[in-house]
Amino acid sequence: WQPDWSISAPAQNAGIAGFARIDYFKESWRKTVERREDFRDALL
């Protein structure tokens, strides 16, 4: 059911490069969790 060429070349390249820098993104996700807790406390 998926049309051919659904995923553009720039998108595929971005995904490949993103996984190549997965350590950066894991750290980013961890920092976002920390920011979330600080943000929640400030809202409360």
PDB file of all heavy atoms in Angstrom:
ATOM      1  N   TRP A   1       0.809  -1.218   0.000  1.00  0.00           N
ATOM      2  CA  TRP A   1       0.000   0.000   0.000  1.00  0.00           C
ATOM      3  C   TRP A   1       0.846   1.274   0.000  1.00  0.00           C
ATOM      4  O   TRP A   1       0.313   2.351  -0.285  1.00  0.00           O
ATOM      5  CB  TRP A   1      -0.931   0.014   1.217  1.00  0.00           C
ATOM      6  CG  TRP A   1      -2.129  -0.864   1.036  1.00  0.00           C
ATOM      7  CD1 TRP A   1      -2.227  -2.201   1.292  1.00  0.00           C
ATOM      8  CD2 TRP A   1      -3.397  -0.469   0.528  1.00  0.00           C
ATOM      9  NE1 TRP A   1      -3.482  -2.662   0.990  1.00  0.00           N
ATOM     10  CE2 TRP A   1      -4.228  -1.620   0.520  1.00  0.00           C
ATOM     11  CE3 TRP A   1      -3.937   0.747   0.086  1.00  0.00           C
ATOM     12  CZ2 TRP A   1      -5.548  -1.581   0.087  1.00  0.00           C
ATOM     13  CZ3 TRP A   1      -5.252   0.779  -0.352  1.00  0.00           C
ATOM     14  CH2 TRP A   1      -6.044  -0.375  -0.344  1.00  0.00           C
ATOM     15  N   GLN A   2       2.110   1.158   0.337  1.00  0.00           N
ATOM     16  CA  GLN A   2       2.954   2.355   0.417  1.00  0.00           C
ATOM     17  C   GLN A   2       3.435   2.762  -0.976  1.00  0.00           C
ATOM     18  O   GLN A   2       4.026   1.960  -1.699  1.00  0.00           O
ATOM     19  CB  GLN A   2       4.165   2.110   1.320  1.00  0.00           C
ATOM     20  CG  GLN A   2       4.997   3.369   1.553  1.00  0.00           C
ATOM     21  CD  GLN A   2       6.197   3.096   2.459  1.00  0.00           C
ATOM     22  OE1 GLN A   2       6.861   2.070   2.315  1.00  0.00           O
ATOM     23  NE2 GLN A   2       6.475   4.016   3.368  1.00  0.00           N
ATOM     24  N   PRO A   3       3.194   4.005  -1.381  1.00  0.00           N
ATOM     25  CA  PRO A   3       3.672   4.447  -2.699  1.00  0.00           C
ATOM     26  C   PRO A   3       5.195   4.359  -2.787  1.00  0.00           C
ATOM     27  O   PRO A   3       5.908   4.585  -1.807  1.00  0.00           O
ATOM     28  CB  PRO A   3       3.202   5.909  -2.775  1.00  0.00           C
ATOM     29  CG  PRO A   3       2.090   6.012  -1.790  1.00  0.00           C
ATOM     30  CD  PRO A   3       2.430   5.055  -0.679  1.00  0.00           C
ATOM     31  N   ASP A   4       5.698   4.022  -3.973  1.00  0.00           N
ATOM     32  CA  ASP A   4       7.142   4.033  -4.192  1.00  0.00           C
ATOM     33  C   ASP A   4       7.700   5.436  -3.944  1.00  0.00           C
ATOM     34  O   ASP A   4       7.012   6.438  -4.137  1.00  0.00           O
ATOM     35  CB  ASP A   4       7.459   3.611  -5.626  1.00  0.00           C
ATOM     36  CG  ASP A   4       7.247   2.117  -5.848  1.00  0.00           C
ATOM     37  OD1 ASP A   4       7.261   1.369  -4.853  1.00  0.00           O
ATOM     38  OD2 ASP A   4       7.046   1.717  -7.008  1.00  0.00           O
ATOM     39  N   TRP A   5       8.954   5.463  -3.549  1.00  0.00           N
ATOM     40  CA  TRP A   5       9.688   6.715  -3.319  1.00  0.00           C
ATOM     41  C   TRP A   5       8.999   7.604  -2.276  1.00  0.00           C
ATOM     42  O   TRP A   5       9.046   8.827  -2.352  1.00  0.00           O
ATOM     43  CB  TRP A   5       9.871   7.498  -4.631  1.00  0.00           C
ATOM     44  CG  TRP A   5      10.437   6.645  -5.720  1.00  0.00           C
ATOM     45  CD1 TRP A   5      11.630   5.983  -5.732  1.00  0.00           C
ATOM     46  CD2 TRP A   5       9.821   6.343  -6.978  1.00  0.00           C
ATOM     47  NE1 TRP A   5      11.800   5.284  -6.907  1.00  0.00           N
ATOM     48  CE2 TRP A   5      10.696   5.485  -7.693  1.00  0.00           C
ATOM     49  CE3 TRP A   5       8.609   6.715  -7.581  1.00  0.00           C
ATOM     50  CZ2 TRP A   5      10.402   5.001  -8.956  1.00  0.00           C
ATOM     51  CZ3 TRP A   5       8.320   6.227  -8.842  1.00  0.00           C
ATOM     52  CH2 TRP A   5       9.209   5.381  -9.517  1.00  0.00           C
ATOM     53  N   SER A   6       8.367   6.984  -1.295  1.00  0.00           N
ATOM     54  CA  SER A   6       7.711   7.759  -0.238  1.00  0.00           C
ATOM     55  C   SER A   6       8.706   8.569   0.583  1.00  0.00           C
ATOM     56  O   SER A   6       8.377   9.641   1.089  1.00  0.00           O
ATOM     57  CB  SER A   6       6.942   6.825   0.705  1.00  0.00           C
ATOM     58  OG  SER A   6       5.733   6.401   0.138  1.00  0.00           O
ATOM     59  N   ILE A   7       9.918   8.029   0.740  1.00  0.00           N
ATOM     60  CA  ILE A   7      10.900   8.662   1.627  1.00  0.00           C
ATOM     61  C   ILE A   7      11.937   9.376   0.770  1.00  0.00           C
ATOM     62  O   ILE A   7      12.691   8.748   0.028  1.00  0.00           O
ATOM     63  CB  ILE A   7      11.602   7.624   2.530  1.00  0.00           C
ATOM     64  CG1 ILE A   7      10.607   6.568   3.023  1.00  0.00           C
ATOM     65  CG2 ILE A   7      12.307   8.329   3.679  1.00  0.00           C
ATOM     66  CD1 ILE A   7       9.420   7.103   3.760  1.00  0.00           C
ATOM     67  N   SER A   8      11.988  10.683   0.867  1.00  0.00           N
ATOM     68  CA  SER A   8      12.896  11.466   0.032  1.00  0.00           C
ATOM     69  C   SER A   8      14.351  11.191   0.384  1.00  0.00           C
ATOM     70  O   SER A   8      14.674  10.718   1.484  1.00  0.00           O
ATOM     71  CB  SER A   8      12.616  12.958   0.206  1.00  0.00           C
ATOM     72  OG  SER A   8      13.033  13.400   1.488  1.00  0.00           O
ATOM     73  N   ALA A   9      15.247  11.506  -0.555  1.00  0.00           N
ATOM     74  CA  ALA A   9      16.682  11.328  -0.311  1.00  0.00           C
ATOM     75  C   ALA A   9      17.168  12.173   0.867  1.00  0.00           C
ATOM     76  O   ALA A   9      17.929  11.677   1.710  1.00  0.00           O
ATOM     77  CB  ALA A   9      17.465  11.650  -1.587  1.00  0.00           C
ATOM     78  N   PRO A  10      16.757  13.459   0.995  1.00  0.00           N
ATOM     79  CA  PRO A  10      17.186  14.234   2.172  1.00  0.00           C
ATOM     80  C   PRO A  10      16.718  13.610   3.486  1.00  0.00           C
ATOM     81  O   PRO A  10      17.462  13.605   4.477  1.00  0.00           O
ATOM     82  CB  PRO A  10      16.557  15.609   1.941  1.00  0.00           C
ATOM     83  CG  PRO A  10      16.412  15.717   0.466  1.00  0.00           C
ATOM     84  CD  PRO A  10      16.064  14.325   0.011  1.00  0.00           C
ATOM     85  N   ALA A  11      15.494  13.079   3.508  1.00  0.00           N
ATOM     86  CA  ALA A  11      14.990  12.467   4.734  1.00  0.00           C
ATOM     87  C   ALA A  11      15.784  11.208   5.076  1.00  0.00           C
ATOM     88  O   ALA A  11      16.156  10.989   6.240  1.00  0.00           O
ATOM     89  CB  ALA A  11      13.505  12.132   4.584  1.00  0.00           C
ATOM     90  N   GLN A  12      16.059  10.358   4.087  1.00  0.00           N
ATOM     91  CA  GLN A  12      16.846   9.151   4.346  1.00  0.00           C
ATOM     92  C   GLN A  12      18.235   9.516   4.857  1.00  0.00           C
ATOM     93  O   GLN A  12      18.739   8.911   5.811  1.00  0.00           O
ATOM     94  CB  GLN A  12      16.951   8.307   3.073  1.00  0.00           C
ATOM     95  CG  GLN A  12      15.634   7.659   2.673  1.00  0.00           C
ATOM     96  CD  GLN A  12      15.774   6.716   1.487  1.00  0.00           C
ATOM     97  OE1 GLN A  12      16.694   5.899   1.451  1.00  0.00           O
ATOM     98  NE2 GLN A  12      14.868   6.816   0.525  1.00  0.00           N
ATOM     99  N   ASN A  13      18.850  10.516   4.227  1.00  0.00           N
ATOM    100  CA  ASN A  13      20.183  10.943   4.672  1.00  0.00           C
ATOM    101  C   ASN A  13      20.154  11.457   6.109  1.00  0.00           C
ATOM    102  O   ASN A  13      21.070  11.188   6.898  1.00  0.00           O
ATOM    103  CB  ASN A  13      20.717  12.034   3.750  1.00  0.00           C
ATOM    104  CG  ASN A  13      21.343  11.483   2.488  1.00  0.00           C
ATOM    105  OD1 ASN A  13      21.143  10.319   2.148  1.00  0.00           O
ATOM    106  ND2 ASN A  13      22.094  12.313   1.775  1.00  0.00           N
ATOM    107  N   ALA A  14      19.107  12.192   6.448  1.00  0.00           N
ATOM    108  CA  ALA A  14      18.994  12.722   7.810  1.00  0.00           C
ATOM    109  C   ALA A  14      18.858  11.596   8.826  1.00  0.00           C
ATOM    110  O   ALA A  14      19.467  11.641   9.904  1.00  0.00           O
ATOM    111  CB  ALA A  14      17.794  13.666   7.905  1.00  0.00           C
ATOM    112  N   GLY A  15      18.063  10.571   8.491  1.00  0.00           N
ATOM    113  CA  GLY A  15      17.915   9.440   9.402  1.00  0.00           C
ATOM    114  C   GLY A  15      19.209   8.687   9.593  1.00  0.00           C
ATOM    115  O   GLY A  15      19.587   8.327  10.720  1.00  0.00           O
ATOM    116  N   ILE A  16      19.934   8.452   8.502  1.00  0.00           N
ATOM    117  CA  ILE A  16      21.217   7.742   8.573  1.00  0.00           C
ATOM    118  C   ILE A  16      22.212   8.535   9.409  1.00  0.00           C
ATOM    119  O   ILE A  16      22.879   7.988  10.302  1.00  0.00           O
ATOM    120  CB  ILE A  16      21.756   7.508   7.148  1.00  0.00           C
ATOM    121  CG1 ILE A  16      20.850   6.514   6.400  1.00  0.00           C
ATOM    122  CG2 ILE A  16      23.197   7.008   7.184  1.00  0.00           C
ATOM    123  CD1 ILE A  16      21.061   6.513   4.896  1.00  0.00           C
ATOM    124  N   ALA A  17      22.295   9.837   9.154  1.00  0.00           N
ATOM    125  CA  ALA A  17      23.225  10.689   9.910  1.00  0.00           C
ATOM    126  C   ALA A  17      22.807  10.815  11.365  1.00  0.00           C
ATOM    127  O   ALA A  17      23.658  10.912  12.265  1.00  0.00           O
ATOM    128  CB  ALA A  17      23.304  12.070   9.259  1.00  0.00           C
ATOM    129  N   GLY A  18      21.482  10.814  11.623  1.00  0.00           N
ATOM    130  CA  GLY A  18      21.009  10.898  12.999  1.00  0.00           C
ATOM    131  C   GLY A  18      21.428   9.696  13.813  1.00  0.00           C
ATOM    132  O   GLY A  18      21.887   9.834  14.955  1.00  0.00           O
ATOM    133  N   PHE A  19      21.290   8.498  13.240  1.00  0.00           N
ATOM    134  CA  PHE A  19      21.724   7.300  13.967  1.00  0.00           C
ATOM    135  C   PHE A  19      23.243   7.259  14.119  1.00  0.00           C
ATOM    136  O   PHE A  19      23.755   6.702  15.092  1.00  0.00           O
ATOM    137  CB  PHE A  19      21.215   6.039  13.272  1.00  0.00           C
ATOM    138  CG  PHE A  19      19.829   5.650  13.702  1.00  0.00           C
ATOM    139  CD1 PHE A  19      18.725   5.931  12.903  1.00  0.00           C
ATOM    140  CD2 PHE A  19      19.615   5.022  14.923  1.00  0.00           C
ATOM    141  CE1 PHE A  19      17.449   5.585  13.299  1.00  0.00           C
ATOM    142  CE2 PHE A  19      18.340   4.671  15.336  1.00  0.00           C
ATOM    143  CZ  PHE A  19      17.251   4.954  14.523  1.00  0.00           C
ATOM    144  N   ALA A  20      23.975   7.865  13.173  1.00  0.00           N
ATOM    145  CA  ALA A  20      25.430   7.941  13.313  1.00  0.00           C
ATOM    146  C   ALA A  20      25.824   8.824  14.491  1.00  0.00           C
ATOM    147  O   ALA A  20      26.916   8.657  15.054  1.00  0.00           O
ATOM    148  CB  ALA A  20      26.059   8.472  12.022  1.00  0.00           C
ATOM    149  N   ARG A  21      24.946   9.756  14.881  1.00  0.00           N
ATOM    150  CA  ARG A  21      25.201  10.629  16.030  1.00  0.00           C
ATOM    151  C   ARG A  21      24.257  10.290  17.183  1.00  0.00           C
ATOM    152  O   ARG A  21      23.845  11.157  17.932  1.00  0.00           O
ATOM    153  CB  ARG A  21      25.008  12.094  15.623  1.00  0.00           C
ATOM    154  CG  ARG A  21      26.083  12.664  14.719  1.00  0.00           C
ATOM    155  CD  ARG A  21      27.484  12.636  15.356  1.00  0.00           C
ATOM    156  NE  ARG A  21      27.495  13.106  16.739  1.00  0.00           N
ATOM    157  CZ  ARG A  21      27.598  14.391  17.084  1.00  0.00           C
ATOM    158  NH1 ARG A  21      27.710  15.317  16.150  1.00  0.00           N
ATOM    159  NH2 ARG A  21      27.622  14.726  18.364  1.00  0.00           N
ATOM    160  N   ILE A  22      23.940   9.012  17.328  1.00  0.00           N
ATOM    161  CA  ILE A  22      22.938   8.614  18.313  1.00  0.00           C
ATOM    162  C   ILE A  22      23.360   8.960  19.729  1.00  0.00           C
ATOM    163  O   ILE A  22      22.514   9.249  20.582  1.00  0.00           O
ATOM    164  CB  ILE A  22      22.627   7.099  18.183  1.00  0.00           C
ATOM    165  CG1 ILE A  22      21.298   6.752  18.898  1.00  0.00           C
ATOM    166  CG2 ILE A  22      23.778   6.249  18.704  1.00  0.00           C
ATOM    167  CD1 ILE A  22      20.089   7.381  18.283  1.00  0.00           C
ATOM    168  N   ASP A  23      24.650   8.965  20.027  1.00  0.00           N
ATOM    169  CA  ASP A  23      25.100   9.347  21.369  1.00  0.00           C
ATOM    170  C   ASP A  23      24.727  10.789  21.683  1.00  0.00           C
ATOM    171  O   ASP A  23      24.333  11.109  22.816  1.00  0.00           O
ATOM    172  CB  ASP A  23      26.607   9.139  21.519  1.00  0.00           C
ATOM    173  CG  ASP A  23      26.989   7.669  21.593  1.00  0.00           C
ATOM    174  OD1 ASP A  23      26.089   6.837  21.845  1.00  0.00           O
ATOM    175  OD2 ASP A  23      28.167   7.349  21.381  1.00  0.00           O
ATOM    176  N   TYR A  24      24.866  11.661  20.681  1.00  0.00           N
ATOM    177  CA  TYR A  24      24.466  13.063  20.868  1.00  0.00           C
ATOM    178  C   TYR A  24      22.984  13.143  21.203  1.00  0.00           C
ATOM    179  O   TYR A  24      22.566  13.859  22.122  1.00  0.00           O
ATOM    180  CB  TYR A  24      24.764  13.875  19.608  1.00  0.00           C
ATOM    181  CG  TYR A  24      24.122  15.248  19.602  1.00  0.00           C
ATOM    182  CD1 TYR A  24      24.769  16.329  20.177  1.00  0.00           C
ATOM    183  CD2 TYR A  24      22.848  15.453  19.038  1.00  0.00           C
ATOM    184  CE1 TYR A  24      24.180  17.594  20.182  1.00  0.00           C
ATOM    185  CE2 TYR A  24      22.249  16.697  19.047  1.00  0.00           C
ATOM    186  CZ  TYR A  24      22.925  17.770  19.614  1.00  0.00           C
ATOM    187  OH  TYR A  24      22.329  19.008  19.635  1.00  0.00           O
ATOM    188  N   PHE A  25      22.164  12.402  20.444  1.00  0.00           N
ATOM    189  CA  PHE A  25      20.721  12.488  20.642  1.00  0.00           C
ATOM    190  C   PHE A  25      20.296  11.835  21.959  1.00  0.00           C
ATOM    191  O   PHE A  25      19.385  12.336  22.635  1.00  0.00           O
ATOM    192  CB  PHE A  25      19.985  11.879  19.451  1.00  0.00           C
ATOM    193  CG  PHE A  25      20.022  12.746  18.234  1.00  0.00           C
ATOM    194  CD1 PHE A  25      20.862  12.451  17.179  1.00  0.00           C
ATOM    195  CD2 PHE A  25      19.245  13.896  18.162  1.00  0.00           C
ATOM    196  CE1 PHE A  25      20.909  13.270  16.057  1.00  0.00           C
ATOM    197  CE2 PHE A  25      19.293  14.720  17.051  1.00  0.00           C
ATOM    198  CZ  PHE A  25      20.123  14.405  15.988  1.00  0.00           C
ATOM    199  N   LYS A  26      20.941  10.755  22.346  1.00  0.00           N
ATOM    200  CA  LYS A  26      20.622  10.156  23.649  1.00  0.00           C
ATOM    201  C   LYS A  26      20.866  11.152  24.773  1.00  0.00           C
ATOM    202  O   LYS A  26      20.068  11.263  25.716  1.00  0.00           O
ATOM    203  CB  LYS A  26      21.455   8.892  23.859  1.00  0.00           C
ATOM    204  CG  LYS A  26      20.984   7.684  23.069  1.00  0.00           C
ATOM    205  CD  LYS A  26      21.852   6.462  23.384  1.00  0.00           C
ATOM    206  CE  LYS A  26      21.350   5.223  22.671  1.00  0.00           C
ATOM    207  NZ  LYS A  26      22.196   4.031  22.956  1.00  0.00           N
ATOM    208  N   GLU A  27      21.983  11.873  24.684  1.00  0.00           N
ATOM    209  CA  GLU A  27      22.280  12.887  25.700  1.00  0.00           C
ATOM    210  C   GLU A  27      21.253  14.014  25.633  1.00  0.00           C
ATOM    211  O   GLU A  27      20.827  14.547  26.668  1.00  0.00           O
ATOM    212  CB  GLU A  27      23.687  13.441  25.488  1.00  0.00           C
ATOM    213  CG  GLU A  27      24.096  14.553  26.439  1.00  0.00           C
ATOM    214  CD  GLU A  27      24.162  14.106  27.888  1.00  0.00           C
ATOM    215  OE1 GLU A  27      24.133  12.874  28.166  1.00  0.00           O
ATOM    216  OE2 GLU A  27      24.242  14.986  28.775  1.00  0.00           O
ATOM    217  N   SER A  28      20.833  14.365  24.417  1.00  0.00           N
ATOM    218  CA  SER A  28      19.817  15.395  24.251  1.00  0.00           C
ATOM    219  C   SER A  28      18.499  14.976  24.883  1.00  0.00           C
ATOM    220  O   SER A  28      17.840  15.773  25.565  1.00  0.00           O
ATOM    221  CB  SER A  28      19.630  15.685  22.759  1.00  0.00           C
ATOM    222  OG  SER A  28      18.533  16.540  22.542  1.00  0.00           O
ATOM    223  N   TRP A  29      18.107  13.721  24.680  1.00  0.00           N
ATOM    224  CA  TRP A  29      16.857  13.227  25.275  1.00  0.00           C
ATOM    225  C   TRP A  29      16.960  13.245  26.804  1.00  0.00           C
ATOM    226  O   TRP A  29      16.003  13.599  27.486  1.00  0.00           O
ATOM    227  CB  TRP A  29      16.555  11.819  24.781  1.00  0.00           C
ATOM    228  CG  TRP A  29      16.482  11.695  23.290  1.00  0.00           C
ATOM    229  CD1 TRP A  29      16.152  12.696  22.402  1.00  0.00           C
ATOM    230  CD2 TRP A  29      16.751  10.535  22.505  1.00  0.00           C
ATOM    231  NE1 TRP A  29      16.212  12.218  21.121  1.00  0.00           N
ATOM    232  CE2 TRP A  29      16.566  10.900  21.138  1.00  0.00           C
ATOM    233  CE3 TRP A  29      17.119   9.228  22.810  1.00  0.00           C
ATOM    234  CZ2 TRP A  29      16.755   9.991  20.102  1.00  0.00           C
ATOM    235  CZ3 TRP A  29      17.296   8.322  21.777  1.00  0.00           C
ATOM    236  CH2 TRP A  29      17.121   8.697  20.436  1.00  0.00           C
ATOM    237  N   ARG A  30      18.131  12.867  27.317  1.00  0.00           N
ATOM    238  CA  ARG A  30      18.326  12.858  28.771  1.00  0.00           C
ATOM    239  C   ARG A  30      18.207  14.272  29.326  1.00  0.00           C
ATOM    240  O   ARG A  30      17.566  14.507  30.365  1.00  0.00           O
ATOM    241  CB  ARG A  30      19.697  12.265  29.115  1.00  0.00           C
ATOM    242  CG  ARG A  30      19.925  12.050  30.612  1.00  0.00           C
ATOM    243  CD  ARG A  30      21.386  11.765  30.918  1.00  0.00           C
ATOM    244  NE  ARG A  30      22.248  12.890  30.572  1.00  0.00           N
ATOM    245  CZ  ARG A  30      22.353  13.992  31.318  1.00  0.00           C
ATOM    246  NH1 ARG A  30      21.640  14.127  32.429  1.00  0.00           N
ATOM    247  NH2 ARG A  30      23.156  14.970  30.937  1.00  0.00           N
ATOM    248  N   LYS A  31      18.805  15.243  28.639  1.00  0.00           N
ATOM    249  CA  LYS A  31      18.728  16.632  29.087  1.00  0.00           C
ATOM    250  C   LYS A  31      17.303  17.158  29.000  1.00  0.00           C
ATOM    251  O   LYS A  31      16.881  17.969  29.850  1.00  0.00           O
ATOM    252  CB  LYS A  31      19.674  17.510  28.261  1.00  0.00           C
ATOM    253  CG  LYS A  31      21.146  17.284  28.540  1.00  0.00           C
ATOM    254  CD  LYS A  31      22.023  18.329  27.890  1.00  0.00           C
ATOM    255  CE  LYS A  31      21.927  18.284  26.381  1.00  0.00           C
ATOM    256  NZ  LYS A  31      22.850  19.246  25.731  1.00  0.00           N
ATOM    257  N   THR A  32      16.569  16.719  28.006  1.00  0.00           N
ATOM    258  CA  THR A  32      15.175  17.147  27.882  1.00  0.00           C
ATOM    259  C   THR A  32      14.351  16.648  29.063  1.00  0.00           C
ATOM    260  O   THR A  32      13.488  17.368  29.574  1.00  0.00           O
ATOM    261  CB  THR A  32      14.571  16.642  26.561  1.00  0.00           C
ATOM    262  OG1 THR A  32      15.317  17.170  25.461  1.00  0.00           O
ATOM    263  CG2 THR A  32      13.114  17.068  26.419  1.00  0.00           C
ATOM    264  N   VAL A  33      14.629  15.423  29.514  1.00  0.00           N
ATOM    265  CA  VAL A  33      13.954  14.891  30.698  1.00  0.00           C
ATOM    266  C   VAL A  33      14.264  15.768  31.912  1.00  0.00           C
ATOM    267  O   VAL A  33      13.368  16.085  32.710  1.00  0.00           O
ATOM    268  CB  VAL A  33      14.370  13.426  30.954  1.00  0.00           C
ATOM    269  CG1 VAL A  33      13.852  12.943  32.311  1.00  0.00           C
ATOM    270  CG2 VAL A  33      13.851  12.513  29.841  1.00  0.00           C
ATOM    271  N   GLU A  34      15.526  16.185  32.059  1.00  0.00           N
ATOM    272  CA  GLU A  34      15.895  17.065  33.175  1.00  0.00           C
ATOM    273  C   GLU A  34      15.169  18.407  33.076  1.00  0.00           C
ATOM    274  O   GLU A  34      14.656  18.926  34.078  1.00  0.00           O
ATOM    275  CB  GLU A  34      17.408  17.287  33.189  1.00  0.00           C
ATOM    276  CG  GLU A  34      18.220  16.054  33.572  1.00  0.00           C
ATOM    277  CD  GLU A  34      19.714  16.339  33.609  1.00  0.00           C
ATOM    278  OE1 GLU A  34      20.108  17.469  33.208  1.00  0.00           O
ATOM    279  OE2 GLU A  34      20.470  15.447  34.026  1.00  0.00           O
ATOM    280  N   ARG A  35      15.145  18.973  31.868  1.00  0.00           N
ATOM    281  CA  ARG A  35      14.447  20.243  31.673  1.00  0.00           C
ATOM    282  C   ARG A  35      12.959  20.098  31.984  1.00  0.00           C
ATOM    283  O   ARG A  35      12.332  21.010  32.528  1.00  0.00           O
ATOM    284  CB  ARG A  35      14.599  20.719  30.217  1.00  0.00           C
ATOM    285  CG  ARG A  35      15.961  21.237  29.861  1.00  0.00           C
ATOM    286  CD  ARG A  35      15.897  21.976  28.526  1.00  0.00           C
ATOM    287  NE  ARG A  35      17.188  21.941  27.881  1.00  0.00           N
ATOM    288  CZ  ARG A  35      17.454  21.312  26.745  1.00  0.00           C
ATOM    289  NH1 ARG A  35      16.491  20.646  26.129  1.00  0.00           N
ATOM    290  NH2 ARG A  35      18.653  21.334  26.217  1.00  0.00           N
ATOM    291  N   ARG A  36      12.409  18.936  31.599  1.00  0.00           N
ATOM    292  CA  ARG A  36      10.992  18.685  31.864  1.00  0.00           C
ATOM    293  C   ARG A  36      10.696  18.778  33.358  1.00  0.00           C
ATOM    294  O   ARG A  36       9.697  19.380  33.756  1.00  0.00           O
ATOM    295  CB  ARG A  36      10.608  17.304  31.346  1.00  0.00           C
ATOM    296  CG  ARG A  36       9.157  16.925  31.593  1.00  0.00           C
ATOM    297  CD  ARG A  36       8.893  15.489  31.157  1.00  0.00           C
ATOM    298  NE  ARG A  36       9.529  14.517  32.046  1.00  0.00           N
ATOM    299  CZ  ARG A  36       9.887  13.292  31.673  1.00  0.00           C
ATOM    300  NH1 ARG A  36       9.710  12.883  30.441  1.00  0.00           N
ATOM    301  NH2 ARG A  36      10.439  12.471  32.557  1.00  0.00           N
ATOM    302  N   GLU A  37      11.549  18.186  34.174  1.00  0.00           N
ATOM    303  CA  GLU A  37      11.318  18.216  35.616  1.00  0.00           C
ATOM    304  C   GLU A  37      11.404  19.637  36.160  1.00  0.00           C
ATOM    305  O   GLU A  37      10.574  20.056  36.987  1.00  0.00           O
ATOM    306  CB  GLU A  37      12.330  17.306  36.324  1.00  0.00           C
ATOM    307  CG  GLU A  37      12.280  15.845  35.855  1.00  0.00           C
ATOM    308  CD  GLU A  37      10.889  15.271  35.915  1.00  0.00           C
ATOM    309  OE1 GLU A  37      10.333  15.203  37.028  1.00  0.00           O
ATOM    310  OE2 GLU A  37      10.341  14.893  34.864  1.00  0.00           O
ATOM    311  N   ASP A  38      12.396  20.391  35.710  1.00  0.00           N
ATOM    312  CA  ASP A  38      12.530  21.787  36.145  1.00  0.00           C
ATOM    313  C   ASP A  38      11.340  22.621  35.677  1.00  0.00           C
ATOM    314  O   ASP A  38      10.825  23.478  36.416  1.00  0.00           O
ATOM    315  CB  ASP A  38      13.825  22.389  35.601  1.00  0.00           C
ATOM    316  CG  ASP A  38      15.072  21.761  36.206  1.00  0.00           C
ATOM    317  OD1 ASP A  38      14.965  21.167  37.307  1.00  0.00           O
ATOM    318  OD2 ASP A  38      16.151  21.866  35.588  1.00  0.00           O
ATOM    319  N   PHE A  39      10.914  22.366  34.445  1.00  0.00           N
ATOM    320  CA  PHE A  39       9.793  23.103  33.854  1.00  0.00           C
ATOM    321  C   PHE A  39       8.509  22.815  34.629  1.00  0.00           C
ATOM    322  O   PHE A  39       7.727  23.720  34.938  1.00  0.00           O
ATOM    323  CB  PHE A  39       9.661  22.679  32.399  1.00  0.00           C
ATOM    324  CG  PHE A  39       8.886  23.630  31.531  1.00  0.00           C
ATOM    325  CD1 PHE A  39       8.710  24.952  31.872  1.00  0.00           C
ATOM    326  CD2 PHE A  39       8.334  23.187  30.331  1.00  0.00           C
ATOM    327  CE1 PHE A  39       8.008  25.831  31.053  1.00  0.00           C
ATOM    328  CE2 PHE A  39       7.624  24.035  29.507  1.00  0.00           C
ATOM    329  CZ  PHE A  39       7.456  25.361  29.877  1.00  0.00           C
ATOM    330  N   ARG A  40       8.292  21.542  34.965  1.00  0.00           N
ATOM    331  CA  ARG A  40       7.111  21.160  35.745  1.00  0.00           C
ATOM    332  C   ARG A  40       7.097  21.881  37.084  1.00  0.00           C
ATOM    333  O   ARG A  40       6.074  22.430  37.512  1.00  0.00           O
ATOM    334  CB  ARG A  40       7.094  19.652  35.967  1.00  0.00           C
ATOM    335  CG  ARG A  40       5.910  19.160  36.819  1.00  0.00           C
ATOM    336  CD  ARG A  40       6.197  17.809  37.421  1.00  0.00           C
ATOM    337  NE  ARG A  40       7.379  17.849  38.264  1.00  0.00           N
ATOM    338  CZ  ARG A  40       8.131  16.796  38.565  1.00  0.00           C
ATOM    339  NH1 ARG A  40       7.835  15.617  38.076  1.00  0.00           N
ATOM    340  NH2 ARG A  40       9.185  16.919  39.352  1.00  0.00           N
ATOM    341  N   ASP A  41       8.246  21.885  37.767  1.00  0.00           N
ATOM    342  CA  ASP A  41       8.316  22.537  39.075  1.00  0.00           C
ATOM    343  C   ASP A  41       8.002  24.024  38.960  1.00  0.00           C
ATOM    344  O   ASP A  41       7.328  24.601  39.832  1.00  0.00           O
ATOM    345  CB  ASP A  41       9.702  22.335  39.686  1.00  0.00           C
ATOM    346  CG  ASP A  41       9.963  20.885  40.075  1.00  0.00           C
ATOM    347  OD1 ASP A  41       8.997  20.107  40.147  1.00  0.00           O
ATOM    348  OD2 ASP A  41      11.138  20.537  40.297  1.00  0.00           O
ATOM    349  N   ALA A  42       8.498  24.651  37.879  1.00  0.00           N
ATOM    350  CA  ALA A  42       8.234  26.073  37.689  1.00  0.00           C
ATOM    351  C   ALA A  42       6.751  26.329  37.421  1.00  0.00           C
ATOM    352  O   ALA A  42       6.174  27.301  37.929  1.00  0.00           O
ATOM    353  CB  ALA A  42       9.087  26.608  36.538  1.00  0.00           C
ATOM    354  N   LEU A  43       6.121  25.459  36.639  1.00  0.00           N
ATOM    355  CA  LEU A  43       4.683  25.600  36.383  1.00  0.00           C
ATOM    356  C   LEU A  43       3.874  25.415  37.659  1.00  0.00           C
ATOM    357  O   LEU A  43       2.925  26.165  37.937  1.00  0.00           O
ATOM    358  CB  LEU A  43       4.249  24.585  35.326  1.00  0.00           C
ATOM    359  CG  LEU A  43       4.752  24.811  33.900  1.00  0.00           C
ATOM    360  CD1 LEU A  43       4.520  23.569  33.041  1.00  0.00           C
ATOM    361  CD2 LEU A  43       4.079  26.025  33.266  1.00  0.00           C
ATOM    362  N   LEU A  44       4.256  24.430  38.451  1.00  0.00           N
ATOM    363  CA  LEU A  44       3.562  24.190  39.718  1.00  0.00           C
ATOM    364  C   LEU A  44       3.724  25.374  40.671  1.00  0.00           C
ATOM    365  O   LEU A  44       2.806  25.706  41.425  1.00  0.00           O
ATOM    366  CB  LEU A  44       4.088  22.912  40.372  1.00  0.00           C
ATOM    367  CG  LEU A  44       3.727  21.592  39.682  1.00  0.00           C
ATOM    368  CD1 LEU A  44       4.490  20.428  40.319  1.00  0.00           C
ATOM    369  CD2 LEU A  44       2.222  21.337  39.760  1.00  0.00           C
TER     370      LEU A  44
END
